[in-house]
Amino acid sequence: MKEQDEKAEKAKEAAVDAPSLKEVTIEEVKAATAPVEEPKKPEEAPKASAEEKAAAYNAFNLDTIIEMANELGIEKTYDDYKKLLIANNDPEQIAKDLAQEATKAKSFTFEEDGYDVDLIPVLVAKVSDTIDWDAANLLPLGDRIQEACAMELGEDALANTNVYNTLFDTVREVLMIAQQENVHDLAQINEMTGADVKALVVKFMDVAYDILKSWQYNDVKYYEGFIYSVLSQFEELHQQLGTRAMMDVADLLILHGDFGLGDANYHYIIRENNIKDMIYFRFANVYRGIDRDKARAIAHEALQWVDGRYDYYQAILDILHN
């Protein structure tokens, strides 16, 4: 009995000495068993809407948007875009086709660069707004060339100005096409336009020679630069009409009182050409109503090179003796 009491007493002492269990709250249990949350990723900036992009692009001028499109890989000028629209006025399809040409578009975002491939429809719309569609919807170029060639000068100065301007604009359009397409062959430009380009240029030169006599000296100088650009574009035209163009310009310079430059041009033409009878005749003839003595002196000089075998021999004698 005594032995049992000792065992019980030792059990009590062990119980008193044992560490008490720590109480655990429900919140601590939940915290210990809750899944570990991964750190949140920074939220991405919201993407701009199509309307916001369009508003931003419309704030830029057309030249800036064309430069942006060039950065996207579309290597076109304003005239290129204009030509596309006039040839096929379908802005939506043109924008889709241009988007395919934007080879660098994937490297650009609106949020980081300020523009992306979505600027193309705005570009097309802006170019379309600059086009005079009434003029663009006229007859095809070939028909307009034929109509321009049929125009004639008359007594009405305003109507004559319209004839000159129509021919000038038509020739300039042909020249622009040839320059853009790098065309120098006359047969090729004839095929492209569906018309006789040489006939157009000759008609323009005829009208310019008549009408510029009564216009300003600066108009003559402008015509000089323009007609040389046209003839230089087409080798065949330059060979066939180059000398005539230089004589036309020389005559017009002389008729406007620039005798020094006009005479210098004629002396150059005479030096560079083997057949001189027609050149000397024109040189002398332009002075008939300005300075008769100078006209005779030029005719006399011509006889060093021209005799009865030449077509203009008699005409030169007439200037010399009359």
Protein backbone atom coordinates (compact mmCIF):
# COMPACT_ATOMS: atom_id res chain seq x y z
CA MET A 1 0.00 0.00 0.00
CA LYS A 2 2.81 2.25 0.92
CA GLU A 3 4.53 1.49 -2.35
CA GLN A 4 1.43 2.55 -4.33
CA ASP A 5 1.22 5.87 -2.49
CA GLU A 6 4.84 6.67 -3.35
CA LYS A 7 4.20 6.00 -7.06
CA ALA A 8 1.15 8.27 -7.04
CA GLU A 9 3.11 11.04 -5.31
CA LYS A 10 5.91 10.86 -7.92
CA ALA A 11 3.31 11.03 -10.73
CA LYS A 12 1.90 14.24 -9.23
CA GLU A 13 5.36 15.79 -9.01
CA ALA A 14 6.09 14.88 -12.67
CA ALA A 15 2.82 16.43 -13.74
CA VAL A 16 3.59 19.64 -11.85
CA ASP A 17 7.11 19.85 -13.40
CA ALA A 18 5.99 19.13 -17.04
CA PRO A 19 5.80 22.21 -19.37
CA SER A 20 2.30 23.36 -20.12
CA LEU A 21 1.09 23.25 -23.74
CA LYS A 22 0.82 26.66 -25.44
CA GLU A 23 -2.70 27.68 -26.44
CA VAL A 24 -3.14 28.18 -30.22
CA THR A 25 -5.80 30.56 -31.57
CA ILE A 26 -7.97 29.95 -34.64
CA GLU A 27 -6.35 32.91 -36.44
CA GLU A 28 -2.91 31.38 -35.93
CA VAL A 29 -4.11 28.05 -37.29
CA LYS A 30 -5.54 29.74 -40.40
CA ALA A 31 -2.37 31.69 -40.95
CA ALA A 32 -0.22 28.58 -40.63
CA THR A 33 -2.28 26.53 -43.03
CA ALA A 34 -3.09 29.27 -45.58
CA PRO A 35 -1.42 28.90 -49.06
CA VAL A 36 1.56 31.15 -49.69
CA GLU A 37 0.55 34.03 -52.02
CA GLU A 38 2.89 34.88 -54.89
CA PRO A 39 3.92 38.53 -55.18
CA LYS A 40 1.56 40.48 -57.46
CA LYS A 41 2.86 41.48 -60.88
CA PRO A 42 2.70 45.18 -61.72
CA GLU A 43 -0.43 45.98 -63.68
CA GLU A 44 0.15 46.73 -67.39
CA ALA A 45 -0.87 50.13 -68.69
CA PRO A 46 -4.23 49.97 -70.45
CA LYS A 47 -4.02 49.76 -74.25
CA ALA A 48 -5.16 52.83 -76.19
CA SER A 49 -8.44 52.45 -78.02
CA ALA A 50 -8.76 52.87 -81.78
CA GLU A 51 -10.58 56.17 -81.20
CA GLU A 52 -7.77 57.49 -78.99
CA LYS A 53 -5.15 56.53 -81.57
CA ALA A 54 -7.11 58.14 -84.41
CA ALA A 55 -7.46 61.36 -82.42
CA ALA A 56 -3.72 61.40 -81.77
CA TYR A 57 -2.81 60.73 -85.39
CA ASN A 58 -5.20 63.38 -86.69
CA ALA A 59 -3.35 65.94 -84.59
CA PHE A 60 -0.22 65.40 -86.73
CA ASN A 61 0.23 67.04 -90.11
CA LEU A 62 0.36 64.88 -93.22
CA ASP A 63 4.13 65.19 -93.71
CA THR A 64 4.75 63.88 -90.18
CA ILE A 65 2.44 60.91 -90.68
CA ILE A 66 4.17 60.06 -93.96
CA GLU A 67 7.49 60.06 -92.08
CA MET A 68 5.99 57.76 -89.42
CA ALA A 69 4.78 55.39 -92.12
CA ASN A 70 8.26 55.42 -93.59
CA GLU A 71 9.63 54.34 -90.20
CA LEU A 72 7.14 51.46 -90.27
CA GLY A 73 8.72 50.31 -93.53
CA ILE A 74 6.38 51.90 -96.11
CA GLU A 75 8.73 53.71 -98.48
CA LYS A 76 6.26 55.94 -100.32
CA THR A 77 5.91 59.67 -100.98
CA TYR A 78 2.79 61.81 -100.95
CA ASP A 79 2.57 61.51 -104.73
CA ASP A 80 2.72 57.72 -104.43
CA TYR A 81 -0.23 57.67 -102.03
CA LYS A 82 -2.14 60.12 -104.19
CA LYS A 83 -1.54 58.00 -107.25
CA LEU A 84 -2.83 54.89 -105.44
CA LEU A 85 -6.05 56.64 -104.45
CA ILE A 86 -6.71 58.10 -107.88
CA ALA A 87 -6.07 54.74 -109.55
CA ASN A 88 -8.36 52.85 -107.14
CA ASN A 89 -10.41 54.98 -104.74
CA ASP A 90 -10.92 52.26 -102.11
CA PRO A 91 -9.32 53.69 -98.94
CA GLU A 92 -10.05 50.60 -96.85
CA GLN A 93 -8.40 48.20 -99.29
CA ILE A 94 -5.49 50.56 -99.85
CA ALA A 95 -4.92 50.77 -96.08
CA LYS A 96 -4.93 46.96 -95.85
CA ASP A 97 -2.43 46.67 -98.69
CA LEU A 98 -0.17 49.28 -97.13
CA ALA A 99 -0.27 47.49 -93.79
CA GLN A 100 1.25 44.49 -95.56
CA GLU A 101 4.10 46.72 -96.72
CA ALA A 102 4.81 47.91 -93.16
CA THR A 103 7.66 45.44 -92.63
CA LYS A 104 8.86 47.10 -89.41
CA ALA A 105 5.44 47.60 -87.82
CA LYS A 106 5.92 44.90 -85.16
CA SER A 107 8.72 46.95 -83.61
CA PHE A 108 6.42 49.87 -82.84
CA THR A 109 3.66 50.29 -80.24
CA PHE A 110 1.47 53.30 -79.66
CA GLU A 111 2.12 53.23 -75.93
CA GLU A 112 5.93 53.28 -76.24
CA ASP A 113 6.57 54.98 -79.59
CA GLY A 114 3.52 57.18 -80.01
CA TYR A 115 2.39 55.46 -83.20
CA ASP A 116 1.89 52.04 -84.73
CA VAL A 117 0.43 50.39 -87.82
CA ASP A 118 -3.02 51.80 -86.99
CA LEU A 119 -1.93 55.17 -88.32
CA ILE A 120 -2.24 53.92 -91.93
CA PRO A 121 -6.02 54.46 -92.33
CA VAL A 122 -5.58 58.01 -91.01
CA LEU A 123 -2.76 58.57 -93.50
CA VAL A 124 -4.90 57.36 -96.40
CA ALA A 125 -7.81 59.56 -95.29
CA LYS A 126 -5.59 62.63 -94.98
CA VAL A 127 -4.17 62.13 -98.49
CA SER A 128 -7.68 61.63 -99.86
CA ASP A 129 -8.73 64.96 -98.35
CA THR A 130 -6.03 66.75 -100.37
CA ILE A 131 -7.15 65.38 -103.75
CA ASP A 132 -9.30 67.44 -106.08
CA TRP A 133 -11.63 64.59 -106.96
CA ASP A 134 -13.43 66.57 -109.64
CA ALA A 135 -10.14 66.86 -111.52
CA ALA A 136 -9.08 63.32 -110.66
CA ASN A 137 -12.25 61.87 -112.13
CA LEU A 138 -11.65 63.38 -115.55
CA LEU A 139 -10.93 61.33 -118.64
CA PRO A 140 -7.99 58.91 -118.59
CA LEU A 141 -4.63 60.49 -119.28
CA GLY A 142 -4.45 59.21 -122.86
CA ASP A 143 -7.76 60.89 -123.72
CA ARG A 144 -6.70 64.10 -122.02
CA ILE A 145 -3.48 64.12 -124.03
CA GLN A 146 -5.47 63.85 -127.24
CA GLU A 147 -7.80 66.65 -126.15
CA ALA A 148 -4.85 68.86 -125.19
CA CYS A 149 -3.24 68.28 -128.59
CA ALA A 150 -6.46 69.41 -130.29
CA MET A 151 -6.53 72.79 -128.51
CA GLU A 152 -5.77 75.90 -130.55
CA LEU A 153 -4.81 79.46 -129.75
CA GLY A 154 -7.25 82.22 -130.69
CA GLU A 155 -7.89 85.92 -130.14
CA ASP A 156 -9.01 85.62 -126.50
CA ALA A 157 -6.02 86.10 -124.18
CA LEU A 158 -7.74 84.34 -121.27
CA ALA A 159 -8.61 81.34 -123.45
CA ASN A 160 -5.04 81.24 -124.74
CA THR A 161 -3.75 81.16 -121.19
CA ASN A 162 -6.01 78.19 -120.52
CA VAL A 163 -4.61 76.40 -123.59
CA TYR A 164 -1.06 76.94 -122.37
CA ASN A 165 -1.82 75.89 -118.80
CA THR A 166 -3.70 72.76 -119.91
CA LEU A 167 -0.81 71.66 -122.10
CA PHE A 168 1.73 72.50 -119.40
CA ASP A 169 -0.17 70.51 -116.75
CA THR A 170 -0.59 67.53 -119.08
CA VAL A 171 3.09 67.46 -120.04
CA ARG A 172 4.04 67.80 -116.37
CA GLU A 173 1.83 64.83 -115.47
CA VAL A 174 3.53 62.71 -118.12
CA LEU A 175 6.96 63.81 -116.86
CA MET A 176 6.00 62.96 -113.27
CA ILE A 177 4.92 59.45 -114.27
CA ALA A 178 8.12 58.91 -116.24
CA GLN A 179 10.29 60.10 -113.34
CA GLN A 180 8.47 57.96 -110.78
CA GLU A 181 8.68 54.86 -112.96
CA ASN A 182 12.19 55.65 -114.22
CA VAL A 183 11.02 55.60 -117.85
CA HIS A 184 13.32 57.10 -120.51
CA ASP A 185 12.03 55.30 -123.59
CA LEU A 186 9.47 57.13 -125.74
CA ALA A 187 7.72 53.95 -126.87
CA GLN A 188 7.33 52.85 -123.25
CA ILE A 189 5.79 56.13 -122.09
CA ASN A 190 3.47 56.05 -125.10
CA GLU A 191 2.31 52.60 -124.03
CA MET A 192 1.86 53.66 -120.42
CA THR A 193 -0.20 56.75 -121.27
CA GLY A 194 -2.01 55.33 -124.29
CA ALA A 195 -1.11 58.38 -126.37
CA ASP A 196 1.52 60.00 -128.58
CA VAL A 197 3.72 61.83 -126.09
CA LYS A 198 5.94 63.35 -128.78
CA ALA A 199 2.89 64.96 -130.40
CA LEU A 200 1.92 66.38 -127.01
CA VAL A 201 5.38 67.87 -126.42
CA VAL A 202 5.55 69.35 -129.93
CA LYS A 203 2.11 70.91 -129.46
CA PHE A 204 3.17 72.38 -126.13
CA MET A 205 6.35 73.81 -127.67
CA ASP A 206 4.35 75.36 -130.54
CA VAL A 207 1.92 77.05 -128.15
CA ALA A 208 4.66 78.14 -125.74
CA TYR A 209 6.68 79.74 -128.56
CA ASP A 210 3.67 81.80 -129.67
CA ILE A 211 2.24 82.79 -126.32
CA LEU A 212 5.44 83.48 -124.36
CA LYS A 213 6.38 86.27 -126.77
CA SER A 214 3.82 88.46 -125.01
CA TRP A 215 4.32 87.11 -121.48
CA GLN A 216 7.01 88.04 -118.96
CA TYR A 217 10.74 87.32 -119.16
CA ASN A 218 10.49 85.17 -116.02
CA ASP A 219 7.89 83.01 -117.77
CA VAL A 220 10.42 82.34 -120.52
CA LYS A 221 13.07 81.33 -117.99
CA TYR A 222 10.63 79.01 -116.24
CA TYR A 223 9.66 77.42 -119.54
CA GLU A 224 13.35 76.98 -120.40
CA GLY A 225 14.02 74.91 -117.30
CA PHE A 226 10.84 72.90 -117.69
CA ILE A 227 11.17 71.97 -121.36
CA TYR A 228 14.80 70.94 -120.88
CA SER A 229 13.69 68.65 -118.02
CA VAL A 230 11.07 67.05 -120.26
CA LEU A 231 13.45 66.45 -123.16
CA SER A 232 16.21 65.20 -120.88
CA GLN A 233 13.86 62.54 -119.53
CA PHE A 234 13.42 60.93 -122.96
CA GLU A 235 16.56 60.33 -125.02
CA GLU A 236 14.68 60.13 -128.32
CA LEU A 237 12.87 63.43 -127.73
CA HIS A 238 16.13 65.10 -126.75
CA GLN A 239 17.75 64.00 -129.99
CA GLN A 240 14.78 65.08 -132.13
CA LEU A 241 13.68 68.28 -130.40
CA GLY A 242 16.66 69.45 -128.35
CA THR A 243 18.07 71.85 -130.95
CA ARG A 244 14.66 73.28 -131.72
CA ALA A 245 13.98 73.85 -128.00
CA MET A 246 17.26 75.74 -127.62
CA MET A 247 16.47 77.94 -130.65
CA ASP A 248 12.94 78.62 -129.35
CA VAL A 249 14.34 79.71 -126.00
CA ALA A 250 17.05 81.82 -127.67
CA ASP A 251 14.43 83.58 -129.84
CA LEU A 252 12.24 84.28 -126.81
CA LEU A 253 15.18 85.66 -124.83
CA ILE A 254 16.08 87.98 -127.71
CA LEU A 255 12.45 89.08 -128.15
CA HIS A 256 12.38 89.96 -124.45
CA GLY A 257 15.54 92.05 -124.79
CA ASP A 258 18.14 89.64 -123.43
CA PHE A 259 20.35 89.85 -126.50
CA GLY A 260 23.50 88.72 -124.74
CA LEU A 261 22.13 85.40 -123.52
CA GLY A 262 20.06 84.85 -126.67
CA ASP A 263 23.08 85.40 -128.94
CA ALA A 264 25.27 83.19 -126.74
CA ASN A 265 22.73 80.39 -127.04
CA TYR A 266 22.69 80.69 -130.83
CA HIS A 267 26.48 80.69 -131.06
CA TYR A 268 26.55 77.51 -128.97
CA ILE A 269 23.93 75.85 -131.19
CA ILE A 270 25.80 76.79 -134.37
CA ARG A 271 29.08 75.47 -132.98
CA GLU A 272 27.55 72.15 -131.93
CA ASN A 273 25.67 71.39 -135.18
CA ASN A 274 27.01 70.40 -138.57
CA ILE A 275 23.93 71.46 -140.57
CA LYS A 276 23.83 75.21 -139.99
CA ASP A 277 21.49 76.68 -142.65
CA MET A 278 18.26 76.47 -140.63
CA ILE A 279 19.99 77.67 -137.45
CA TYR A 280 21.52 80.71 -139.16
CA PHE A 281 18.18 81.50 -140.80
CA ARG A 282 16.36 81.49 -137.47
CA PHE A 283 19.11 83.51 -135.79
CA ALA A 284 18.97 86.19 -138.48
CA ASN A 285 15.19 86.08 -138.79
CA VAL A 286 14.51 86.80 -135.11
CA TYR A 287 16.39 90.11 -135.50
CA ARG A 288 14.48 91.26 -138.62
CA GLY A 289 11.98 93.25 -136.58
CA ILE A 290 14.50 94.33 -133.95
CA ASP A 291 17.76 95.23 -135.67
CA ARG A 292 17.85 94.98 -139.48
CA ASP A 293 21.60 95.56 -139.70
CA LYS A 294 22.32 92.79 -137.23
CA ALA A 295 19.96 90.48 -139.13
CA ARG A 296 21.92 91.17 -142.36
CA ALA A 297 25.24 90.66 -140.58
CA ILE A 298 24.14 87.25 -139.34
CA ALA A 299 22.89 86.32 -142.82
CA HIS A 300 26.22 87.41 -144.31
CA GLU A 301 28.11 85.28 -141.79
CA ALA A 302 25.90 82.31 -142.70
CA LEU A 303 27.19 82.37 -146.30
CA GLN A 304 30.54 81.11 -145.03
CA TRP A 305 28.80 77.80 -144.35
CA VAL A 306 25.69 77.77 -146.51
CA ASP A 307 25.39 77.63 -150.30
CA GLY A 308 22.79 76.68 -152.88
CA ARG A 309 22.77 73.03 -151.79
CA TYR A 310 21.00 73.90 -148.53
CA ASP A 311 17.27 74.30 -147.98
CA TYR A 312 17.49 77.70 -146.26
CA TYR A 313 20.00 79.28 -148.65
CA GLN A 314 17.42 81.37 -150.49
CA ALA A 315 15.71 82.45 -147.28
CA ILE A 316 19.07 83.66 -145.92
CA LEU A 317 19.71 85.61 -149.17
CA ASP A 318 16.30 87.25 -148.80
CA ILE A 319 17.24 88.51 -145.32
CA LEU A 320 20.63 89.70 -146.60
CA HIS A 321 19.26 91.65 -149.60
CA ASN A 322 15.86 92.76 -148.33
